[in-house]
Amino acid sequence: MAGEEMNLINQYQLLQQQLQAIIMQKEDSKLELMENEKALEEIKKSDVKEVYKIVGQIMIKKDVEEAKKELEEKISDLEIRLSAFEKTEQKINDKLKELEPKIQKMLTG
């Protein structure tokens, strides 16, 4: 194979690897988002004034309003991160779709 052909194949493989990494990060963020949303929902349903937050190996008592605010900020950050992952995933998919016919043509001659 010529250098240009190998370059296309290497680029395609690298994009596939990047796509898999993005998908894994996106799934981890989705899970974290769901966990935070569930925690916020439980706090809102409860009439407690204090909650406990796990920090490393310990639990710390927190004011419920402060905990709500922290969870809301975390949820917002995760939603932004998920949006960025989705945009990156789409860009990689678009590039893969652009390369596929070139590689197919190269392989079929």
PDB file of N, CA and C in Angstrom:
ATOM      1  N   MET A   1       0.838  -1.185   0.000  1.00  0.00           N
ATOM      2  CA  MET A   1       0.000   0.000   0.000  1.00  0.00           C
ATOM      3  C   MET A   1       0.877   1.239   0.000  1.00  0.00           C
ATOM      4  N   ALA A   2       0.386   2.244  -0.666  1.00  0.00           N
ATOM      5  CA  ALA A   2       1.103   3.512  -0.731  1.00  0.00           C
ATOM      6  C   ALA A   2       0.972   4.238   0.605  1.00  0.00           C
ATOM      7  N   GLY A   3       1.858   5.213   0.802  1.00  0.00           N
ATOM      8  CA  GLY A   3       1.863   5.978   2.048  1.00  0.00           C
ATOM      9  C   GLY A   3       0.549   6.682   2.330  1.00  0.00           C
ATOM     10  N   GLU A   4      -0.067   7.231   1.285  1.00  0.00           N
ATOM     11  CA  GLU A   4      -1.340   7.938   1.455  1.00  0.00           C
ATOM     12  C   GLU A   4      -2.443   6.975   1.903  1.00  0.00           C
ATOM     13  N   GLU A   5      -2.434   5.777   1.342  1.00  0.00           N
ATOM     14  CA  GLU A   5      -3.436   4.776   1.713  1.00  0.00           C
ATOM     15  C   GLU A   5      -3.272   4.352   3.171  1.00  0.00           C
ATOM     16  N   MET A   6      -2.026   4.123   3.576  1.00  0.00           N
ATOM     17  CA  MET A   6      -1.763   3.753   4.974  1.00  0.00           C
ATOM     18  C   MET A   6      -2.175   4.885   5.907  1.00  0.00           C
ATOM     19  N   ASN A   7      -1.927   6.111   5.475  1.00  0.00           N
ATOM     20  CA  ASN A   7      -2.299   7.273   6.276  1.00  0.00           C
ATOM     21  C   ASN A   7      -3.815   7.314   6.489  1.00  0.00           C
ATOM     22  N   LEU A   8      -4.584   7.041   5.427  1.00  0.00           N
ATOM     23  CA  LEU A   8      -6.047   7.016   5.540  1.00  0.00           C
ATOM     24  C   LEU A   8      -6.515   5.940   6.515  1.00  0.00           C
ATOM     25  N   ILE A   9      -5.937   4.768   6.400  1.00  0.00           N
ATOM     26  CA  ILE A   9      -6.312   3.666   7.287  1.00  0.00           C
ATOM     27  C   ILE A   9      -5.935   3.980   8.729  1.00  0.00           C
ATOM     28  N   ASN A  10      -4.739   4.518   8.947  1.00  0.00           N
ATOM     29  CA  ASN A  10      -4.317   4.885  10.298  1.00  0.00           C
ATOM     30  C   ASN A  10      -5.217   5.976  10.875  1.00  0.00           C
ATOM     31  N   GLN A  11      -5.573   6.943  10.053  1.00  0.00           N
ATOM     32  CA  GLN A  11      -6.451   8.024  10.494  1.00  0.00           C
ATOM     33  C   GLN A  11      -7.818   7.454  10.883  1.00  0.00           C
ATOM     34  N   TYR A  12      -8.325   6.551  10.083  1.00  0.00           N
ATOM     35  CA  TYR A  12      -9.625   5.918  10.353  1.00  0.00           C
ATOM     36  C   TYR A  12      -9.580   5.146  11.676  1.00  0.00           C
ATOM     37  N   GLN A  13      -8.531   4.368  11.878  1.00  0.00           N
ATOM     38  CA  GLN A  13      -8.400   3.593  13.114  1.00  0.00           C
ATOM     39  C   GLN A  13      -8.275   4.510  14.333  1.00  0.00           C
ATOM     40  N   LEU A  14      -7.527   5.593  14.200  1.00  0.00           N
ATOM     41  CA  LEU A  14      -7.371   6.539  15.291  1.00  0.00           C
ATOM     42  C   LEU A  14      -8.710   7.186  15.635  1.00  0.00           C
ATOM     43  N   LEU A  15      -9.480   7.539  14.620  1.00  0.00           N
ATOM     44  CA  LEU A  15     -10.802   8.125  14.847  1.00  0.00           C
ATOM     45  C   LEU A  15     -11.737   7.132  15.544  1.00  0.00           C
ATOM     46  N   GLN A  16     -11.652   5.862  15.159  1.00  0.00           N
ATOM     47  CA  GLN A  16     -12.476   4.839  15.815  1.00  0.00           C
ATOM     48  C   GLN A  16     -12.108   4.720  17.300  1.00  0.00           C
ATOM     49  N   GLN A  17     -10.822   4.771  17.595  1.00  0.00           N
ATOM     50  CA  GLN A  17     -10.374   4.702  18.979  1.00  0.00           C
ATOM     51  C   GLN A  17     -10.860   5.921  19.769  1.00  0.00           C
ATOM     52  N   GLN A  18     -10.759   7.095  19.155  1.00  0.00           N
ATOM     53  CA  GLN A  18     -11.234   8.312  19.807  1.00  0.00           C
ATOM     54  C   GLN A  18     -12.739   8.240  20.054  1.00  0.00           C
ATOM     55  N   LEU A  19     -13.453   7.712  19.083  1.00  0.00           N
ATOM     56  CA  LEU A  19     -14.903   7.575  19.212  1.00  0.00           C
ATOM     57  C   LEU A  19     -15.253   6.660  20.391  1.00  0.00           C
ATOM     58  N   GLN A  20     -14.566   5.541  20.509  1.00  0.00           N
ATOM     59  CA  GLN A  20     -14.823   4.623  21.621  1.00  0.00           C
ATOM     60  C   GLN A  20     -14.541   5.294  22.963  1.00  0.00           C
ATOM     61  N   ALA A  21     -13.467   6.072  23.042  1.00  0.00           N
ATOM     62  CA  ALA A  21     -13.137   6.776  24.287  1.00  0.00           C
ATOM     63  C   ALA A  21     -14.214   7.798  24.635  1.00  0.00           C
ATOM     64  N   ILE A  22     -14.691   8.527  23.638  1.00  0.00           N
ATOM     65  CA  ILE A  22     -15.740   9.528  23.854  1.00  0.00           C
ATOM     66  C   ILE A  22     -17.027   8.847  24.320  1.00  0.00           C
ATOM     67  N   ILE A  23     -17.377   7.734  23.693  1.00  0.00           N
ATOM     68  CA  ILE A  23     -18.589   7.011  24.065  1.00  0.00           C
ATOM     69  C   ILE A  23     -18.504   6.530  25.512  1.00  0.00           C
ATOM     70  N   MET A  24     -17.359   6.028  25.915  1.00  0.00           N
ATOM     71  CA  MET A  24     -17.182   5.567  27.294  1.00  0.00           C
ATOM     72  C   MET A  24     -17.301   6.734  28.276  1.00  0.00           C
ATOM     73  N   GLN A  25     -16.662   7.852  27.958  1.00  0.00           N
ATOM     74  CA  GLN A  25     -16.730   9.026  28.829  1.00  0.00           C
ATOM     75  C   GLN A  25     -18.158   9.557  28.904  1.00  0.00           C
ATOM     76  N   LYS A  26     -18.839   9.533  27.766  1.00  0.00           N
ATOM     77  CA  LYS A  26     -20.227  10.004  27.728  1.00  0.00           C
ATOM     78  C   LYS A  26     -21.111   9.114  28.598  1.00  0.00           C
ATOM     79  N   GLU A  27     -20.940   7.803  28.519  1.00  0.00           N
ATOM     80  CA  GLU A  27     -21.731   6.880  29.324  1.00  0.00           C
ATOM     81  C   GLU A  27     -21.446   7.065  30.817  1.00  0.00           C
ATOM     82  N   ASP A  28     -20.177   7.262  31.169  1.00  0.00           N
ATOM     83  CA  ASP A  28     -19.833   7.515  32.571  1.00  0.00           C
ATOM     84  C   ASP A  28     -20.511   8.790  33.068  1.00  0.00           C
ATOM     85  N   SER A  29     -20.503   9.825  32.237  1.00  0.00           N
ATOM     86  CA  SER A  29     -21.126  11.098  32.611  1.00  0.00           C
ATOM     87  C   SER A  29     -22.642  10.961  32.727  1.00  0.00           C
ATOM     88  N   LYS A  30     -23.251  10.176  31.844  1.00  0.00           N
ATOM     89  CA  LYS A  30     -24.694   9.938  31.930  1.00  0.00           C
ATOM     90  C   LYS A  30     -25.053   9.258  33.254  1.00  0.00           C
ATOM     91  N   LEU A  31     -24.272   8.271  33.631  1.00  0.00           N
ATOM     92  CA  LEU A  31     -24.511   7.563  34.885  1.00  0.00           C
ATOM     93  C   LEU A  31     -24.362   8.515  36.067  1.00  0.00           C
ATOM     94  N   GLU A  32     -23.311   9.307  36.057  1.00  0.00           N
ATOM     95  CA  GLU A  32     -23.084  10.273  37.131  1.00  0.00           C
ATOM     96  C   GLU A  32     -24.220  11.295  37.190  1.00  0.00           C
ATOM     97  N   LEU A  33     -24.692  11.722  36.031  1.00  0.00           N
ATOM     98  CA  LEU A  33     -25.805  12.668  35.970  1.00  0.00           C
ATOM     99  C   LEU A  33     -27.059  12.049  36.598  1.00  0.00           C
ATOM    100  N   MET A  34     -27.362  10.819  36.227  1.00  0.00           N
ATOM    101  CA  MET A  34     -28.542  10.151  36.778  1.00  0.00           C
ATOM    102  C   MET A  34     -28.433  10.011  38.295  1.00  0.00           C
ATOM    103  N   GLU A  35     -27.248   9.678  38.798  1.00  0.00           N
ATOM    104  CA  GLU A  35     -27.050   9.530  40.236  1.00  0.00           C
ATOM    105  C   GLU A  35     -27.271  10.863  40.953  1.00  0.00           C
ATOM    106  N   ASN A  36     -26.756  11.944  40.378  1.00  0.00           N
ATOM    107  CA  ASN A  36     -26.912  13.267  40.985  1.00  0.00           C
ATOM    108  C   ASN A  36     -28.362  13.739  40.924  1.00  0.00           C
ATOM    109  N   GLU A  37     -29.029  13.468  39.812  1.00  0.00           N
ATOM    110  CA  GLU A  37     -30.445  13.841  39.701  1.00  0.00           C
ATOM    111  C   GLU A  37     -31.281  13.079  40.733  1.00  0.00           C
ATOM    112  N   LYS A  38     -30.985  11.806  40.922  1.00  0.00           N
ATOM    113  CA  LYS A  38     -31.706  10.992  41.900  1.00  0.00           C
ATOM    114  C   LYS A  38     -31.454  11.521  43.312  1.00  0.00           C
ATOM    115  N   ALA A  39     -30.210  11.873  43.620  1.00  0.00           N
ATOM    116  CA  ALA A  39     -29.890  12.415  44.940  1.00  0.00           C
ATOM    117  C   ALA A  39     -30.637  13.723  45.179  1.00  0.00           C
ATOM    118  N   LEU A  40     -30.672  14.591  44.182  1.00  0.00           N
ATOM    119  CA  LEU A  40     -31.380  15.865  44.309  1.00  0.00           C
ATOM    120  C   LEU A  40     -32.877  15.629  44.513  1.00  0.00           C
ATOM    121  N   GLU A  41     -33.415  14.699  43.761  1.00  0.00           N
ATOM    122  CA  GLU A  41     -34.841  14.363  43.877  1.00  0.00           C
ATOM    123  C   GLU A  41     -35.163  13.883  45.298  1.00  0.00           C
ATOM    124  N   GLU A  42     -34.300  13.022  45.841  1.00  0.00           N
ATOM    125  CA  GLU A  42     -34.526  12.501  47.191  1.00  0.00           C
ATOM    126  C   GLU A  42     -34.437  13.612  48.234  1.00  0.00           C
ATOM    127  N   ILE A  43     -33.494  14.512  48.073  1.00  0.00           N
ATOM    128  CA  ILE A  43     -33.362  15.630  49.013  1.00  0.00           C
ATOM    129  C   ILE A  43     -34.605  16.513  48.958  1.00  0.00           C
ATOM    130  N   LYS A  44     -35.084  16.779  47.749  1.00  0.00           N
ATOM    131  CA  LYS A  44     -36.258  17.643  47.601  1.00  0.00           C
ATOM    132  C   LYS A  44     -37.511  17.006  48.203  1.00  0.00           C
ATOM    133  N   LYS A  45     -37.616  15.676  48.173  1.00  0.00           N
ATOM    134  CA  LYS A  45     -38.770  14.983  48.728  1.00  0.00           C
ATOM    135  C   LYS A  45     -38.723  14.934  50.254  1.00  0.00           C
ATOM    136  N   SER A  46     -37.537  15.066  50.801  1.00  0.00           N
ATOM    137  CA  SER A  46     -37.346  14.913  52.232  1.00  0.00           C
ATOM    138  C   SER A  46     -37.547  16.245  52.964  1.00  0.00           C
ATOM    139  N   ASP A  47     -37.854  16.149  54.245  1.00  0.00           N
ATOM    140  CA  ASP A  47     -37.999  17.370  55.032  1.00  0.00           C
ATOM    141  C   ASP A  47     -36.841  17.541  56.023  1.00  0.00           C
ATOM    142  N   VAL A  48     -35.742  16.832  55.781  1.00  0.00           N
ATOM    143  CA  VAL A  48     -34.582  16.946  56.662  1.00  0.00           C
ATOM    144  C   VAL A  48     -33.893  18.287  56.460  1.00  0.00           C
ATOM    145  N   LYS A  49     -33.175  18.725  57.472  1.00  0.00           N
ATOM    146  CA  LYS A  49     -32.457  20.005  57.408  1.00  0.00           C
ATOM    147  C   LYS A  49     -30.981  19.809  57.105  1.00  0.00           C
ATOM    148  N   GLU A  50     -30.504  18.577  57.339  1.00  0.00           N
ATOM    149  CA  GLU A  50     -29.103  18.267  57.086  1.00  0.00           C
ATOM    150  C   GLU A  50     -29.005  16.918  56.382  1.00  0.00           C
ATOM    151  N   VAL A  51     -27.962  16.783  55.582  1.00  0.00           N
ATOM    152  CA  VAL A  51     -27.678  15.523  54.897  1.00  0.00           C
ATOM    153  C   VAL A  51     -26.201  15.220  55.077  1.00  0.00           C
ATOM    154  N   TYR A  52     -25.794  14.047  54.668  1.00  0.00           N
ATOM    155  CA  TYR A  52     -24.388  13.670  54.734  1.00  0.00           C
ATOM    156  C   TYR A  52     -23.856  13.510  53.320  1.00  0.00           C
ATOM    157  N   LYS A  53     -22.648  14.001  53.127  1.00  0.00           N
ATOM    158  CA  LYS A  53     -21.983  13.912  51.826  1.00  0.00           C
ATOM    159  C   LYS A  53     -20.724  13.072  52.005  1.00  0.00           C
ATOM    160  N   ILE A  54     -20.549  12.107  51.118  1.00  0.00           N
ATOM    161  CA  ILE A  54     -19.347  11.273  51.173  1.00  0.00           C
ATOM    162  C   ILE A  54     -18.212  12.018  50.491  1.00  0.00           C
ATOM    163  N   VAL A  55     -17.122  12.182  51.231  1.00  0.00           N
ATOM    164  CA  VAL A  55     -15.923  12.840  50.713  1.00  0.00           C
ATOM    165  C   VAL A  55     -14.753  11.912  51.018  1.00  0.00           C
ATOM    166  N   GLY A  56     -14.276  11.252  49.978  1.00  0.00           N
ATOM    167  CA  GLY A  56     -13.187  10.303  50.183  1.00  0.00           C
ATOM    168  C   GLY A  56     -13.635   9.161  51.072  1.00  0.00           C
ATOM    169  N   GLN A  57     -12.990   9.026  52.209  1.00  0.00           N
ATOM    170  CA  GLN A  57     -13.284   7.930  53.137  1.00  0.00           C
ATOM    171  C   GLN A  57     -14.183   8.347  54.295  1.00  0.00           C
ATOM    172  N   ILE A  58     -14.690   9.591  54.277  1.00  0.00           N
ATOM    173  CA  ILE A  58     -15.508  10.059  55.387  1.00  0.00           C
ATOM    174  C   ILE A  58     -16.837  10.631  54.895  1.00  0.00           C
ATOM    175  N   MET A  59     -17.741  10.809  55.831  1.00  0.00           N
ATOM    176  CA  MET A  59     -19.011  11.462  55.536  1.00  0.00           C
ATOM    177  C   MET A  59     -19.046  12.776  56.309  1.00  0.00           C
ATOM    178  N   ILE A  60     -19.496  13.826  55.625  1.00  0.00           N
ATOM    179  CA  ILE A  60     -19.550  15.148  56.241  1.00  0.00           C
ATOM    180  C   ILE A  60     -20.996  15.605  56.276  1.00  0.00           C
ATOM    181  N   LYS A  61     -21.401  16.159  57.431  1.00  0.00           N
ATOM    182  CA  LYS A  61     -22.749  16.692  57.572  1.00  0.00           C
ATOM    183  C   LYS A  61     -22.815  18.022  56.823  1.00  0.00           C
ATOM    184  N   LYS A  62     -23.883  18.193  56.028  1.00  0.00           N
ATOM    185  CA  LYS A  62     -24.064  19.423  55.243  1.00  0.00           C
ATOM    186  C   LYS A  62     -25.475  19.946  55.425  1.00  0.00           C
ATOM    187  N   ASP A  63     -25.597  21.234  55.335  1.00  0.00           N
ATOM    188  CA  ASP A  63     -26.909  21.865  55.294  1.00  0.00           C
ATOM    189  C   ASP A  63     -27.599  21.426  54.009  1.00  0.00           C
ATOM    190  N   VAL A  64     -28.878  21.109  54.095  1.00  0.00           N
ATOM    191  CA  VAL A  64     -29.604  20.572  52.948  1.00  0.00           C
ATOM    192  C   VAL A  64     -29.653  21.575  51.790  1.00  0.00           C
ATOM    193  N   GLU A  65     -29.784  22.852  52.074  1.00  0.00           N
ATOM    194  CA  GLU A  65     -29.827  23.855  51.001  1.00  0.00           C
ATOM    195  C   GLU A  65     -28.486  23.950  50.285  1.00  0.00           C
ATOM    196  N   GLU A  66     -27.412  23.856  51.040  1.00  0.00           N
ATOM    197  CA  GLU A  66     -26.074  23.869  50.456  1.00  0.00           C
ATOM    198  C   GLU A  66     -25.866  22.623  49.587  1.00  0.00           C
ATOM    199  N   ALA A  67     -26.338  21.483  50.071  1.00  0.00           N
ATOM    200  CA  ALA A  67     -26.220  20.234  49.312  1.00  0.00           C
ATOM    201  C   ALA A  67     -27.029  20.316  48.020  1.00  0.00           C
ATOM    202  N   LYS A  68     -28.236  20.891  48.096  1.00  0.00           N
ATOM    203  CA  LYS A  68     -29.053  21.065  46.886  1.00  0.00           C
ATOM    204  C   LYS A  68     -28.317  21.912  45.861  1.00  0.00           C
ATOM    205  N   LYS A  69     -27.757  23.018  46.332  1.00  0.00           N
ATOM    206  CA  LYS A  69     -27.038  23.927  45.426  1.00  0.00           C
ATOM    207  C   LYS A  69     -25.860  23.205  44.764  1.00  0.00           C
ATOM    208  N   GLU A  70     -25.102  22.451  45.553  1.00  0.00           N
ATOM    209  CA  GLU A  70     -23.969  21.702  45.005  1.00  0.00           C
ATOM    210  C   GLU A  70     -24.431  20.692  43.963  1.00  0.00           C
ATOM    211  N   LEU A  71     -25.510  19.983  44.253  1.00  0.00           N
ATOM    212  CA  LEU A  71     -26.029  18.998  43.303  1.00  0.00           C
ATOM    213  C   LEU A  71     -26.519  19.669  42.022  1.00  0.00           C
ATOM    214  N   GLU A  72     -27.212  20.779  42.154  1.00  0.00           N
ATOM    215  CA  GLU A  72     -27.698  21.501  40.973  1.00  0.00           C
ATOM    216  C   GLU A  72     -26.538  21.970  40.099  1.00  0.00           C
ATOM    217  N   GLU A  73     -25.462  22.465  40.737  1.00  0.00           N
ATOM    218  CA  GLU A  73     -24.273  22.890  39.982  1.00  0.00           C
ATOM    219  C   GLU A  73     -23.608  21.706  39.289  1.00  0.00           C
ATOM    220  N   LYS A  74     -23.519  20.593  40.007  1.00  0.00           N
ATOM    221  CA  LYS A  74     -22.909  19.386  39.441  1.00  0.00           C
ATOM    222  C   LYS A  74     -23.728  18.891  38.242  1.00  0.00           C
ATOM    223  N   ILE A  75     -25.056  18.910  38.380  1.00  0.00           N
ATOM    224  CA  ILE A  75     -25.937  18.485  37.288  1.00  0.00           C
ATOM    225  C   ILE A  75     -25.743  19.381  36.078  1.00  0.00           C
ATOM    226  N   SER A  76     -25.673  20.678  36.309  1.00  0.00           N
ATOM    227  CA  SER A  76     -25.459  21.626  35.214  1.00  0.00           C
ATOM    228  C   SER A  76     -24.126  21.357  34.515  1.00  0.00           C
ATOM    229  N   ASP A  77     -23.069  21.146  35.306  1.00  0.00           N
ATOM    230  CA  ASP A  77     -21.747  20.846  34.729  1.00  0.00           C
ATOM    231  C   ASP A  77     -21.781  19.561  33.909  1.00  0.00           C
ATOM    232  N   LEU A  78     -22.454  18.548  34.423  1.00  0.00           N
ATOM    233  CA  LEU A  78     -22.540  17.271  33.712  1.00  0.00           C
ATOM    234  C   LEU A  78     -23.329  17.404  32.412  1.00  0.00           C
ATOM    235  N   GLU A  79     -24.380  18.199  32.419  1.00  0.00           N
ATOM    236  CA  GLU A  79     -25.160  18.421  31.198  1.00  0.00           C
ATOM    237  C   GLU A  79     -24.307  19.122  30.137  1.00  0.00           C
ATOM    238  N   ILE A  80     -23.498  20.079  30.563  1.00  0.00           N
ATOM    239  CA  ILE A  80     -22.593  20.763  29.629  1.00  0.00           C
ATOM    240  C   ILE A  80     -21.565  19.776  29.083  1.00  0.00           C
ATOM    241  N   ARG A  81     -21.007  18.943  29.971  1.00  0.00           N
ATOM    242  CA  ARG A  81     -20.018  17.945  29.546  1.00  0.00           C
ATOM    243  C   ARG A  81     -20.629  16.960  28.556  1.00  0.00           C
ATOM    244  N   LEU A  82     -21.848  16.501  28.841  1.00  0.00           N
ATOM    245  CA  LEU A  82     -22.524  15.570  27.928  1.00  0.00           C
ATOM    246  C   LEU A  82     -22.755  16.202  26.559  1.00  0.00           C
ATOM    247  N   SER A  83     -23.143  17.444  26.552  1.00  0.00           N
ATOM    248  CA  SER A  83     -23.348  18.154  25.292  1.00  0.00           C
ATOM    249  C   SER A  83     -22.053  18.215  24.487  1.00  0.00           C
ATOM    250  N   ALA A  84     -20.957  18.502  25.170  1.00  0.00           N
ATOM    251  CA  ALA A  84     -19.654  18.554  24.494  1.00  0.00           C
ATOM    252  C   ALA A  84     -19.271  17.178  23.944  1.00  0.00           C
ATOM    253  N   PHE A  85     -19.501  16.124  24.728  1.00  0.00           N
ATOM    254  CA  PHE A  85     -19.206  14.767  24.255  1.00  0.00           C
ATOM    255  C   PHE A  85     -20.042  14.437  23.020  1.00  0.00           C
ATOM    256  N   GLU A  86     -21.317  14.818  23.037  1.00  0.00           N
ATOM    257  CA  GLU A  86     -22.187  14.530  21.897  1.00  0.00           C
ATOM    258  C   GLU A  86     -21.720  15.264  20.638  1.00  0.00           C
ATOM    259  N   LYS A  87     -21.290  16.515  20.792  1.00  0.00           N
ATOM    260  CA  LYS A  87     -20.782  17.271  19.645  1.00  0.00           C
ATOM    261  C   LYS A  87     -19.509  16.636  19.105  1.00  0.00           C
ATOM    262  N   THR A  88     -18.619  16.236  20.001  1.00  0.00           N
ATOM    263  CA  THR A  88     -17.377  15.588  19.575  1.00  0.00           C
ATOM    264  C   THR A  88     -17.669  14.260  18.906  1.00  0.00           C
ATOM    265  N   GLU A  89     -18.588  13.500  19.473  1.00  0.00           N
ATOM    266  CA  GLU A  89     -18.973  12.214  18.888  1.00  0.00           C
ATOM    267  C   GLU A  89     -19.511  12.418  17.471  1.00  0.00           C
ATOM    268  N   GLN A  90     -20.335  13.433  17.276  1.00  0.00           N
ATOM    269  CA  GLN A  90     -20.902  13.707  15.957  1.00  0.00           C
ATOM    270  C   GLN A  90     -19.813  14.099  14.962  1.00  0.00           C
ATOM    271  N   LYS A  91     -18.868  14.925  15.386  1.00  0.00           N
ATOM    272  CA  LYS A  91     -17.772  15.331  14.503  1.00  0.00           C
ATOM    273  C   LYS A  91     -16.938  14.122  14.071  1.00  0.00           C
ATOM    274  N   ILE A  92     -16.648  13.242  15.022  1.00  0.00           N
ATOM    275  CA  ILE A  92     -15.867  12.045  14.696  1.00  0.00           C
ATOM    276  C   ILE A  92     -16.655  11.148  13.751  1.00  0.00           C
ATOM    277  N   ASN A  93     -17.937  10.960  14.025  1.00  0.00           N
ATOM    278  CA  ASN A  93     -18.768  10.140  13.128  1.00  0.00           C
ATOM    279  C   ASN A  93     -18.816  10.729  11.724  1.00  0.00           C
ATOM    280  N   ASP A  94     -18.928  12.046  11.625  1.00  0.00           N
ATOM    281  CA  ASP A  94     -18.941  12.699  10.311  1.00  0.00           C
ATOM    282  C   ASP A  94     -17.631  12.453   9.572  1.00  0.00           C
ATOM    283  N   LYS A  95     -16.521  12.547  10.283  1.00  0.00           N
ATOM    284  CA  LYS A  95     -15.213  12.326   9.659  1.00  0.00           C
ATOM    285  C   LYS A  95     -15.063  10.866   9.230  1.00  0.00           C
ATOM    286  N   LEU A  96     -15.544   9.937  10.054  1.00  0.00           N
ATOM    287  CA  LEU A  96     -15.488   8.517   9.689  1.00  0.00           C
ATOM    288  C   LEU A  96     -16.306   8.252   8.427  1.00  0.00           C
ATOM    289  N   LYS A  97     -17.495   8.861   8.351  1.00  0.00           N
ATOM    290  CA  LYS A  97     -18.337   8.688   7.165  1.00  0.00           C
ATOM    291  C   LYS A  97     -17.679   9.282   5.930  1.00  0.00           C
ATOM    292  N   GLU A  98     -16.900  10.315   6.125  1.00  0.00           N
ATOM    293  CA  GLU A  98     -16.174  10.936   5.004  1.00  0.00           C
ATOM    294  C   GLU A  98     -15.041  10.029   4.527  1.00  0.00           C
ATOM    295  N   LEU A  99     -14.394   9.349   5.467  1.00  0.00           N
ATOM    296  CA  LEU A  99     -13.259   8.492   5.114  1.00  0.00           C
ATOM    297  C   LEU A  99     -13.685   7.133   4.558  1.00  0.00           C
ATOM    298  N   GLU A 100     -14.829   6.628   4.989  1.00  0.00           N
ATOM    299  CA  GLU A 100     -15.254   5.284   4.586  1.00  0.00           C
ATOM    300  C   GLU A 100     -15.293   5.077   3.081  1.00  0.00           C
ATOM    301  N   PRO A 101     -15.904   5.976   2.291  1.00  0.00           N
ATOM    302  CA  PRO A 101     -15.913   5.722   0.845  1.00  0.00           C
ATOM    303  C   PRO A 101     -14.514   5.776   0.228  1.00  0.00           C
ATOM    304  N   LYS A 102     -13.654   6.613   0.768  1.00  0.00           N
ATOM    305  CA  LYS A 102     -12.279   6.691   0.252  1.00  0.00           C
ATOM    306  C   LYS A 102     -11.545   5.378   0.497  1.00  0.00           C
ATOM    307  N   ILE A 103     -11.709   4.841   1.680  1.00  0.00           N
ATOM    308  CA  ILE A 103     -11.054   3.577   2.021  1.00  0.00           C
ATOM    309  C   ILE A 103     -11.671   2.437   1.219  1.00  0.00           C
ATOM    310  N   GLN A 104     -12.984   2.429   1.098  1.00  0.00           N
ATOM    311  CA  GLN A 104     -13.670   1.388   0.325  1.00  0.00           C
ATOM    312  C   GLN A 104     -13.184   1.404  -1.123  1.00  0.00           C
ATOM    313  N   LYS A 105     -13.090   2.585  -1.706  1.00  0.00           N
ATOM    314  CA  LYS A 105     -12.636   2.719  -3.094  1.00  0.00           C
ATOM    315  C   LYS A 105     -11.200   2.234  -3.211  1.00  0.00           C
ATOM    316  N   MET A 106     -10.375   2.585  -2.229  1.00  0.00           N
ATOM    317  CA  MET A 106      -8.983   2.192  -2.237  1.00  0.00           C
ATOM    318  C   MET A 106      -8.856   0.653  -2.156  1.00  0.00           C
ATOM    319  N   LEU A 107      -9.691   0.022  -1.344  1.00  0.00           N
ATOM    320  CA  LEU A 107      -9.596  -1.415  -1.158  1.00  0.00           C
ATOM    321  C   LEU A 107     -10.156  -2.212  -2.354  1.00  0.00           C
ATOM    322  N   THR A 108     -11.159  -1.646  -2.990  1.00  0.00           N
ATOM    323  CA  THR A 108     -11.737  -2.359  -4.135  1.00  0.00           C
ATOM    324  C   THR A 108     -11.024  -2.051  -5.445  1.00  0.00           C
ATOM    325  N   GLY A 109     -10.179  -1.041  -5.381  1.00  0.00           N
ATOM    326  CA  GLY A 109      -9.380  -0.724  -6.568  1.00  0.00           C
ATOM    327  C   GLY A 109     -10.117   0.152  -7.470  1.00  0.00           C
TER     328      GLY A 109
END
